[in-house]
PDB file of N, CA and C in Angstrom:
ATOM      1  N   MET A   1       0.852  -1.178   0.000  1.00  0.00           N
ATOM      2  CA  MET A   1       0.000   0.000   0.000  1.00  0.00           C
ATOM      3  C   MET A   1       0.898   1.241   0.000  1.00  0.00           C
ATOM      4  N   SER A   2       0.522   2.248  -0.758  1.00  0.00           N
ATOM      5  CA  SER A   2       1.324   3.462  -0.845  1.00  0.00           C
ATOM      6  C   SER A   2       0.822   4.533   0.123  1.00  0.00           C
ATOM      7  N   PHE A   3       1.610   5.584   0.254  1.00  0.00           N
ATOM      8  CA  PHE A   3       1.253   6.678   1.154  1.00  0.00           C
ATOM      9  C   PHE A   3      -0.096   7.282   0.773  1.00  0.00           C
ATOM     10  N   ASP A   4      -0.284   7.591  -0.503  1.00  0.00           N
ATOM     11  CA  ASP A   4      -1.506   8.273  -0.949  1.00  0.00           C
ATOM     12  C   ASP A   4      -2.762   7.429  -0.811  1.00  0.00           C
ATOM     13  N   SER A   5      -2.637   6.122  -0.912  1.00  0.00           N
ATOM     14  CA  SER A   5      -3.834   5.279  -0.859  1.00  0.00           C
ATOM     15  C   SER A   5      -4.211   4.862   0.561  1.00  0.00           C
ATOM     16  N   ASP A   6      -3.338   5.093   1.534  1.00  0.00           N
ATOM     17  CA  ASP A   6      -3.615   4.694   2.920  1.00  0.00           C
ATOM     18  C   ASP A   6      -4.191   5.875   3.701  1.00  0.00           C
ATOM     19  N   LYS A   7      -5.473   6.115   3.527  1.00  0.00           N
ATOM     20  CA  LYS A   7      -6.159   7.193   4.247  1.00  0.00           C
ATOM     21  C   LYS A   7      -6.479   6.737   5.665  1.00  0.00           C
ATOM     22  N   TYR A   8      -6.514   7.674   6.596  1.00  0.00           N
ATOM     23  CA  TYR A   8      -6.834   7.333   7.980  1.00  0.00           C
ATOM     24  C   TYR A   8      -8.342   7.157   8.136  1.00  0.00           C
ATOM     25  N   SER A   9      -8.724   6.188   8.937  1.00  0.00           N
ATOM     26  CA  SER A   9     -10.117   6.017   9.343  1.00  0.00           C
ATOM     27  C   SER A   9     -10.117   5.660  10.824  1.00  0.00           C
ATOM     28  N   VAL A  10     -11.234   5.899  11.499  1.00  0.00           N
ATOM     29  CA  VAL A  10     -11.279   5.734  12.954  1.00  0.00           C
ATOM     30  C   VAL A  10     -11.101   4.294  13.407  1.00  0.00           C
ATOM     31  N   ASP A  11     -11.230   3.333  12.519  1.00  0.00           N
ATOM     32  CA  ASP A  11     -11.017   1.944  12.925  1.00  0.00           C
ATOM     33  C   ASP A  11      -9.531   1.569  12.952  1.00  0.00           C
ATOM     34  N   LYS A  12      -8.662   2.455  12.477  1.00  0.00           N
ATOM     35  CA  LYS A  12      -7.216   2.201  12.497  1.00  0.00           C
ATOM     36  C   LYS A  12      -6.606   2.735  13.791  1.00  0.00           C
ATOM     37  N   ASP A  13      -5.537   2.090  14.231  1.00  0.00           N
ATOM     38  CA  ASP A  13      -4.797   2.567  15.395  1.00  0.00           C
ATOM     39  C   ASP A  13      -4.005   3.808  14.978  1.00  0.00           C
ATOM     40  N   PRO A  14      -4.234   4.956  15.629  1.00  0.00           N
ATOM     41  CA  PRO A  14      -3.572   6.190  15.208  1.00  0.00           C
ATOM     42  C   PRO A  14      -2.047   6.124  15.292  1.00  0.00           C
ATOM     43  N   TYR A  15      -1.518   5.421  16.289  1.00  0.00           N
ATOM     44  CA  TYR A  15      -0.071   5.347  16.459  1.00  0.00           C
ATOM     45  C   TYR A  15       0.571   4.543  15.331  1.00  0.00           C
ATOM     46  N   GLU A  16      -0.018   3.397  15.010  1.00  0.00           N
ATOM     47  CA  GLU A  16       0.507   2.572  13.917  1.00  0.00           C
ATOM     48  C   GLU A  16       0.398   3.305  12.590  1.00  0.00           C
ATOM     49  N   TRP A  17      -0.758   3.930  12.340  1.00  0.00           N
ATOM     50  CA  TRP A  17      -0.971   4.620  11.077  1.00  0.00           C
ATOM     51  C   TRP A  17       0.022   5.771  10.908  1.00  0.00           C
ATOM     52  N   CYS A  18       0.196   6.587  11.955  1.00  0.00           N
ATOM     53  CA  CYS A  18       1.134   7.717  11.877  1.00  0.00           C
ATOM     54  C   CYS A  18       2.558   7.233  11.638  1.00  0.00           C
ATOM     55  N   LEU A  19       2.961   6.178  12.323  1.00  0.00           N
ATOM     56  CA  LEU A  19       4.311   5.646  12.166  1.00  0.00           C
ATOM     57  C   LEU A  19       4.535   5.110  10.749  1.00  0.00           C
ATOM     58  N   LYS A  20       3.582   4.341  10.231  1.00  0.00           N
ATOM     59  CA  LYS A  20       3.713   3.804   8.870  1.00  0.00           C
ATOM     60  C   LYS A  20       3.788   4.932   7.845  1.00  0.00           C
ATOM     61  N   GLN A  21       2.899   5.915   7.993  1.00  0.00           N
ATOM     62  CA  GLN A  21       2.882   7.020   7.039  1.00  0.00           C
ATOM     63  C   GLN A  21       4.170   7.843   7.125  1.00  0.00           C
ATOM     64  N   SER A  22       4.680   8.044   8.334  1.00  0.00           N
ATOM     65  CA  SER A  22       5.925   8.784   8.503  1.00  0.00           C
ATOM     66  C   SER A  22       7.094   8.032   7.868  1.00  0.00           C
ATOM     67  N   GLU A  23       7.133   6.715   8.048  1.00  0.00           N
ATOM     68  CA  GLU A  23       8.190   5.909   7.423  1.00  0.00           C
ATOM     69  C   GLU A  23       8.106   5.986   5.903  1.00  0.00           C
ATOM     70  N   ARG A  24       6.896   5.977   5.367  1.00  0.00           N
ATOM     71  CA  ARG A  24       6.722   6.098   3.918  1.00  0.00           C
ATOM     72  C   ARG A  24       7.212   7.458   3.426  1.00  0.00           C
ATOM     73  N   LEU A  25       6.885   8.518   4.172  1.00  0.00           N
ATOM     74  CA  LEU A  25       7.344   9.851   3.785  1.00  0.00           C
ATOM     75  C   LEU A  25       8.859   9.953   3.861  1.00  0.00           C
ATOM     76  N   ASN A  26       9.465   9.340   4.877  1.00  0.00           N
ATOM     77  CA  ASN A  26      10.923   9.348   4.990  1.00  0.00           C
ATOM     78  C   ASN A  26      11.572   8.598   3.834  1.00  0.00           C
ATOM     79  N   ALA A  27      10.928   7.539   3.362  1.00  0.00           N
ATOM     80  CA  ALA A  27      11.454   6.798   2.217  1.00  0.00           C
ATOM     81  C   ALA A  27      11.358   7.629   0.934  1.00  0.00           C
ATOM     82  N   ILE A  28      10.286   8.407   0.813  1.00  0.00           N
ATOM     83  CA  ILE A  28      10.094   9.254  -0.367  1.00  0.00           C
ATOM     84  C   ILE A  28      11.082  10.412  -0.363  1.00  0.00           C
ATOM     85  N   ASP A  29      11.198  11.084   0.786  1.00  0.00           N
ATOM     86  CA  ASP A  29      12.066  12.260   0.897  1.00  0.00           C
ATOM     87  C   ASP A  29      12.639  12.341   2.307  1.00  0.00           C
ATOM     88  N   PRO A  30      13.849  11.807   2.526  1.00  0.00           N
ATOM     89  CA  PRO A  30      14.444  11.808   3.868  1.00  0.00           C
ATOM     90  C   PRO A  30      14.723  13.218   4.416  1.00  0.00           C
ATOM     91  N   GLN A  31      14.815  14.213   3.542  1.00  0.00           N
ATOM     92  CA  GLN A  31      15.121  15.581   3.967  1.00  0.00           C
ATOM     93  C   GLN A  31      13.875  16.429   4.238  1.00  0.00           C
ATOM     94  N   MET A  32      12.700  15.815   4.212  1.00  0.00           N
ATOM     95  CA  MET A  32      11.451  16.551   4.395  1.00  0.00           C
ATOM     96  C   MET A  32      11.402  17.186   5.790  1.00  0.00           C
ATOM     97  N   ASN A  33      11.021  18.463   5.845  1.00  0.00           N
ATOM     98  CA  ASN A  33      10.949  19.129   7.148  1.00  0.00           C
ATOM     99  C   ASN A  33       9.658  18.763   7.882  1.00  0.00           C
ATOM    100  N   ILE A  34       9.598  19.122   9.152  1.00  0.00           N
ATOM    101  CA  ILE A  34       8.483  18.732  10.018  1.00  0.00           C
ATOM    102  C   ILE A  34       7.159  19.310   9.518  1.00  0.00           C
ATOM    103  N   GLN A  35       7.164  20.579   9.124  1.00  0.00           N
ATOM    104  CA  GLN A  35       5.926  21.208   8.672  1.00  0.00           C
ATOM    105  C   GLN A  35       5.358  20.512   7.439  1.00  0.00           C
ATOM    106  N   MET A  36       6.212  20.155   6.497  1.00  0.00           N
ATOM    107  CA  MET A  36       5.749  19.484   5.279  1.00  0.00           C
ATOM    108  C   MET A  36       5.237  18.084   5.604  1.00  0.00           C
ATOM    109  N   ARG A  37       5.946  17.368   6.480  1.00  0.00           N
ATOM    110  CA  ARG A  37       5.500  16.029   6.878  1.00  0.00           C
ATOM    111  C   ARG A  37       4.127  16.108   7.533  1.00  0.00           C
ATOM    112  N   ASN A  38       3.961  17.060   8.458  1.00  0.00           N
ATOM    113  CA  ASN A  38       2.672  17.218   9.137  1.00  0.00           C
ATOM    114  C   ASN A  38       1.569  17.572   8.149  1.00  0.00           C
ATOM    115  N   HIS A  39       1.868  18.459   7.216  1.00  0.00           N
ATOM    116  CA  HIS A  39       0.878  18.855   6.205  1.00  0.00           C
ATOM    117  C   HIS A  39       0.429  17.646   5.386  1.00  0.00           C
ATOM    118  N   LYS A  40       1.373  16.824   4.961  1.00  0.00           N
ATOM    119  CA  LYS A  40       1.036  15.643   4.158  1.00  0.00           C
ATOM    120  C   LYS A  40       0.259  14.617   4.977  1.00  0.00           C
ATOM    121  N   LEU A  41       0.630  14.431   6.248  1.00  0.00           N
ATOM    122  CA  LEU A  41      -0.105  13.501   7.113  1.00  0.00           C
ATOM    123  C   LEU A  41      -1.540  13.971   7.325  1.00  0.00           C
ATOM    124  N   LEU A  42      -1.703  15.253   7.631  1.00  0.00           N
ATOM    125  CA  LEU A  42      -3.038  15.782   7.905  1.00  0.00           C
ATOM    126  C   LEU A  42      -3.925  15.746   6.660  1.00  0.00           C
ATOM    127  N   ALA A  43      -3.320  15.841   5.492  1.00  0.00           N
ATOM    128  CA  ALA A  43      -4.092  15.776   4.249  1.00  0.00           C
ATOM    129  C   ALA A  43      -4.677  14.381   4.022  1.00  0.00           C
ATOM    130  N   GLN A  44      -4.179  13.378   4.723  1.00  0.00           N
ATOM    131  CA  GLN A  44      -4.679  12.009   4.597  1.00  0.00           C
ATOM    132  C   GLN A  44      -5.868  11.740   5.521  1.00  0.00           C
ATOM    133  N   LEU A  45      -6.264  12.720   6.310  1.00  0.00           N
ATOM    134  CA  LEU A  45      -7.383  12.561   7.240  1.00  0.00           C
ATOM    135  C   LEU A  45      -8.682  13.004   6.577  1.00  0.00           C
ATOM    136  N   PRO A  46      -9.820  12.413   6.980  1.00  0.00           N
ATOM    137  CA  PRO A  46     -11.114  12.898   6.488  1.00  0.00           C
ATOM    138  C   PRO A  46     -11.334  14.352   6.927  1.00  0.00           C
ATOM    139  N   GLY A  47     -12.127  15.114   6.193  1.00  0.00           N
ATOM    140  CA  GLY A  47     -12.311  16.549   6.388  1.00  0.00           C
ATOM    141  C   GLY A  47     -12.493  17.043   7.807  1.00  0.00           C
ATOM    142  N   GLU A  48     -13.522  16.569   8.512  1.00  0.00           N
ATOM    143  CA  GLU A  48     -13.782  17.063   9.868  1.00  0.00           C
ATOM    144  C   GLU A  48     -12.669  16.678  10.828  1.00  0.00           C
ATOM    145  N   LEU A  49     -12.106  15.508  10.651  1.00  0.00           N
ATOM    146  CA  LEU A  49     -11.021  15.054  11.513  1.00  0.00           C
ATOM    147  C   LEU A  49      -9.762  15.869  11.250  1.00  0.00           C
ATOM    148  N   GLU A  50      -9.487  16.152   9.985  1.00  0.00           N
ATOM    149  CA  GLU A  50      -8.344  16.999   9.633  1.00  0.00           C
ATOM    150  C   GLU A  50      -8.482  18.366  10.299  1.00  0.00           C
ATOM    151  N   HIS A  51      -9.665  18.949  10.222  1.00  0.00           N
ATOM    152  CA  HIS A  51      -9.911  20.255  10.834  1.00  0.00           C
ATOM    153  C   HIS A  51      -9.722  20.197  12.352  1.00  0.00           C
ATOM    154  N   ALA A  52     -10.231  19.155  12.991  1.00  0.00           N
ATOM    155  CA  ALA A  52     -10.116  19.023  14.445  1.00  0.00           C
ATOM    156  C   ALA A  52      -8.660  18.905  14.879  1.00  0.00           C
ATOM    157  N   VAL A  53      -7.861  18.161  14.131  1.00  0.00           N
ATOM    158  CA  VAL A  53      -6.444  18.011  14.484  1.00  0.00           C
ATOM    159  C   VAL A  53      -5.698  19.313  14.219  1.00  0.00           C
ATOM    160  N   LYS A  54      -5.971  19.965  13.088  1.00  0.00           N
ATOM    161  CA  LYS A  54      -5.296  21.228  12.776  1.00  0.00           C
ATOM    162  C   LYS A  54      -5.577  22.288  13.837  1.00  0.00           C
ATOM    163  N   CYS A  55      -6.779  22.290  14.396  1.00  0.00           N
ATOM    164  CA  CYS A  55      -7.126  23.261  15.437  1.00  0.00           C
ATOM    165  C   CYS A  55      -6.331  23.024  16.720  1.00  0.00           C
ATOM    166  N   ARG A  56      -5.921  21.795  16.970  1.00  0.00           N
ATOM    167  CA  ARG A  56      -5.185  21.450  18.183  1.00  0.00           C
ATOM    168  C   ARG A  56      -3.671  21.443  17.978  1.00  0.00           C
ATOM    169  N   CYS A  57      -3.233  21.458  16.735  1.00  0.00           N
ATOM    170  CA  CYS A  57      -1.838  21.199  16.375  1.00  0.00           C
ATOM    171  C   CYS A  57      -1.007  22.487  16.319  1.00  0.00           C
ATOM    172  N   GLN A  58       0.161  22.449  16.946  1.00  0.00           N
ATOM    173  CA  GLN A  58       1.135  23.528  16.791  1.00  0.00           C
ATOM    174  C   GLN A  58       1.861  23.327  15.464  1.00  0.00           C
ATOM    175  N   GLN A  59       2.534  24.356  14.980  1.00  0.00           N
ATOM    176  CA  GLN A  59       3.189  24.268  13.679  1.00  0.00           C
ATOM    177  C   GLN A  59       4.273  23.187  13.655  1.00  0.00           C
ATOM    178  N   ASN A  60       5.024  23.047  14.730  1.00  0.00           N
ATOM    179  CA  ASN A  60       6.116  22.074  14.772  1.00  0.00           C
ATOM    180  C   ASN A  60       5.797  20.893  15.671  1.00  0.00           C
ATOM    181  N   CYS A  61       4.566  20.433  15.688  1.00  0.00           N
ATOM    182  CA  CYS A  61       4.210  19.314  16.561  1.00  0.00           C
ATOM    183  C   CYS A  61       4.874  18.030  16.062  1.00  0.00           C
ATOM    184  N   THR A  62       5.079  17.118  16.978  1.00  0.00           N
ATOM    185  CA  THR A  62       5.753  15.866  16.648  1.00  0.00           C
ATOM    186  C   THR A  62       4.747  14.833  16.153  1.00  0.00           C
ATOM    187  N   LEU A  63       5.278  13.736  15.673  1.00  0.00           N
ATOM    188  CA  LEU A  63       4.449  12.620  15.233  1.00  0.00           C
ATOM    189  C   LEU A  63       3.633  12.075  16.400  1.00  0.00           C
ATOM    190  N   ASP A  64       4.243  12.009  17.573  1.00  0.00           N
ATOM    191  CA  ASP A  64       3.528  11.560  18.775  1.00  0.00           C
ATOM    192  C   ASP A  64       2.369  12.488  19.108  1.00  0.00           C
ATOM    193  N   ASP A  65       2.585  13.792  18.946  1.00  0.00           N
ATOM    194  CA  ASP A  65       1.513  14.756  19.211  1.00  0.00           C
ATOM    195  C   ASP A  65       0.311  14.504  18.296  1.00  0.00           C
ATOM    196  N   ILE A  66       0.573  14.277  17.018  1.00  0.00           N
ATOM    197  CA  ILE A  66      -0.517  14.029  16.066  1.00  0.00           C
ATOM    198  C   ILE A  66      -1.244  12.740  16.417  1.00  0.00           C
ATOM    199  N   ALA A  67      -0.491  11.685  16.725  1.00  0.00           N
ATOM    200  CA  ALA A  67      -1.113  10.405  17.092  1.00  0.00           C
ATOM    201  C   ALA A  67      -1.938  10.554  18.362  1.00  0.00           C
ATOM    202  N   ASN A  68      -1.423  11.299  19.346  1.00  0.00           N
ATOM    203  CA  ASN A  68      -2.171  11.526  20.589  1.00  0.00           C
ATOM    204  C   ASN A  68      -3.449  12.310  20.331  1.00  0.00           C
ATOM    205  N   MET A  69      -3.382  13.315  19.447  1.00  0.00           N
ATOM    206  CA  MET A  69      -4.577  14.090  19.109  1.00  0.00           C
ATOM    207  C   MET A  69      -5.621  13.209  18.428  1.00  0.00           C
ATOM    208  N   LEU A  70      -5.171  12.371  17.498  1.00  0.00           N
ATOM    209  CA  LEU A  70      -6.097  11.462  16.814  1.00  0.00           C
ATOM    210  C   LEU A  70      -6.758  10.513  17.807  1.00  0.00           C
ATOM    211  N   GLN A  71      -5.967   9.976  18.727  1.00  0.00           N
ATOM    212  CA  GLN A  71      -6.504   9.061  19.734  1.00  0.00           C
ATOM    213  C   GLN A  71      -7.513   9.779  20.629  1.00  0.00           C
ATOM    214  N   ASP A  72      -7.172  10.987  21.046  1.00  0.00           N
ATOM    215  CA  ASP A  72      -8.053  11.760  21.920  1.00  0.00           C
ATOM    216  C   ASP A  72      -9.365  12.100  21.211  1.00  0.00           C
ATOM    217  N   ILE A  73      -9.276  12.554  19.971  1.00  0.00           N
ATOM    218  CA  ILE A  73     -10.475  12.891  19.200  1.00  0.00           C
ATOM    219  C   ILE A  73     -11.321  11.647  18.976  1.00  0.00           C
ATOM    220  N   ARG A  74     -10.669  10.533  18.688  1.00  0.00           N
ATOM    221  CA  ARG A  74     -11.383   9.274  18.450  1.00  0.00           C
ATOM    222  C   ARG A  74     -12.152   8.830  19.691  1.00  0.00           C
ATOM    223  N   LYS A  75     -11.567   9.021  20.866  1.00  0.00           N
ATOM    224  CA  LYS A  75     -12.214   8.602  22.111  1.00  0.00           C
ATOM    225  C   LYS A  75     -13.311   9.557  22.566  1.00  0.00           C
ATOM    226  N   ARG A  76     -13.107  10.859  22.371  1.00  0.00           N
ATOM    227  CA  ARG A  76     -13.994  11.859  22.964  1.00  0.00           C
ATOM    228  C   ARG A  76     -15.103  12.367  22.060  1.00  0.00           C
ATOM    229  N   THR A  77     -14.998  12.133  20.753  1.00  0.00           N
ATOM    230  CA  THR A  77     -15.997  12.700  19.835  1.00  0.00           C
ATOM    231  C   THR A  77     -16.529  11.632  18.887  1.00  0.00           C
ATOM    232  N   ASN A  78     -17.497  12.021  18.094  1.00  0.00           N
ATOM    233  CA  ASN A  78     -18.035  11.145  17.052  1.00  0.00           C
ATOM    234  C   ASN A  78     -17.512  11.520  15.673  1.00  0.00           C
ATOM    235  N   ILE A  79     -16.514  12.398  15.624  1.00  0.00           N
ATOM    236  CA  ILE A  79     -15.978  12.835  14.338  1.00  0.00           C
ATOM    237  C   ILE A  79     -15.430  11.630  13.585  1.00  0.00           C
ATOM    238  N   GLY A  80     -15.874  11.479  12.361  1.00  0.00           N
ATOM    239  CA  GLY A  80     -15.400  10.402  11.507  1.00  0.00           C
ATOM    240  C   GLY A  80     -16.088   9.067  11.716  1.00  0.00           C
ATOM    241  N   LYS A  81     -16.937   8.959  12.719  1.00  0.00           N
ATOM    242  CA  LYS A  81     -17.587   7.681  13.009  1.00  0.00           C
ATOM    243  C   LYS A  81     -18.874   7.488  12.222  1.00  0.00           C
ATOM    244  N   PHE A  82     -19.457   8.563  11.747  1.00  0.00           N
ATOM    245  CA  PHE A  82     -20.731   8.489  11.046  1.00  0.00           C
ATOM    246  C   PHE A  82     -20.650   9.260   9.745  1.00  0.00           C
ATOM    247  N   ASN A  83     -21.374   8.795   8.737  1.00  0.00           N
ATOM    248  CA  ASN A  83     -21.586   9.551   7.508  1.00  0.00           C
ATOM    249  C   ASN A  83     -22.911  10.274   7.641  1.00  0.00           C
ATOM    250  N   LEU A  84     -22.929  11.544   7.364  1.00  0.00           N
ATOM    251  CA  LEU A  84     -24.172  12.310   7.424  1.00  0.00           C
ATOM    252  C   LEU A  84     -24.760  12.424   6.024  1.00  0.00           C
ATOM    253  N   TYR A  85     -26.030  12.144   5.922  1.00  0.00           N
ATOM    254  CA  TYR A  85     -26.728  12.230   4.647  1.00  0.00           C
ATOM    255  C   TYR A  85     -27.909  13.173   4.810  1.00  0.00           C
ATOM    256  N   ARG A  86     -28.076  14.069   3.865  1.00  0.00           N
ATOM    257  CA  ARG A  86     -29.190  15.014   3.922  1.00  0.00           C
ATOM    258  C   ARG A  86     -30.516  14.287   3.784  1.00  0.00           C
ATOM    259  N   GLY A  87     -31.436  14.645   4.644  1.00  0.00           N
ATOM    260  CA  GLY A  87     -32.782  14.123   4.537  1.00  0.00           C
ATOM    261  C   GLY A  87     -32.985  12.730   5.100  1.00  0.00           C
ATOM    262  N   SER A  88     -31.924  12.022   5.394  1.00  0.00           N
ATOM    263  CA  SER A  88     -32.105  10.657   5.888  1.00  0.00           C
ATOM    264  C   SER A  88     -31.438  10.444   7.245  1.00  0.00           C
ATOM    265  N   GLY A  89     -31.114  11.523   7.949  1.00  0.00           N
ATOM    266  CA  GLY A  89     -30.444  11.362   9.237  1.00  0.00           C
ATOM    267  C   GLY A  89     -29.004  10.961   9.026  1.00  0.00           C
ATOM    268  N   PHE A  90     -28.504  10.086   9.872  1.00  0.00           N
ATOM    269  CA  PHE A  90     -27.130   9.632   9.693  1.00  0.00           C
ATOM    270  C   PHE A  90     -27.065   8.119   9.757  1.00  0.00           C
ATOM    271  N   LYS A  91     -26.055   7.598   9.126  1.00  0.00           N
ATOM    272  CA  LYS A  91     -25.845   6.152   9.104  1.00  0.00           C
ATOM    273  C   LYS A  91     -24.424   5.863   9.560  1.00  0.00           C
ATOM    274  N   GLU A  92     -24.276   4.820  10.330  1.00  0.00           N
ATOM    275  CA  GLU A  92     -22.957   4.432  10.793  1.00  0.00           C
ATOM    276  C   GLU A  92     -22.182   3.834   9.641  1.00  0.00           C
ATOM    277  N   LYS A  93     -20.884   4.110   9.607  1.00  0.00           N
ATOM    278  CA  LYS A  93     -20.019   3.562   8.554  1.00  0.00           C
ATOM    279  C   LYS A  93     -19.933   2.070   8.641  1.00  0.00           C
TER     280      LYS A  93
END
């Protein structure tokens, strides 16, 4: 599986996913700076989850910080757990 095709979902372990994606990015470009790595990782998150992490994230946050934020959001909220459909309420993924 490649970096671009491995999108994050709430059923994945955030620590494993972040580590795998970071290793893939290091293989692609070992000289990548922290801000670019974080930007690419966050772009792999679903919309609302990406926004929630970006709101909590400092510019130079570590990989552990991102994984901890994902874990915290996953435990405390319903973000990413349901698909919302107009007119039909919501359905669980």
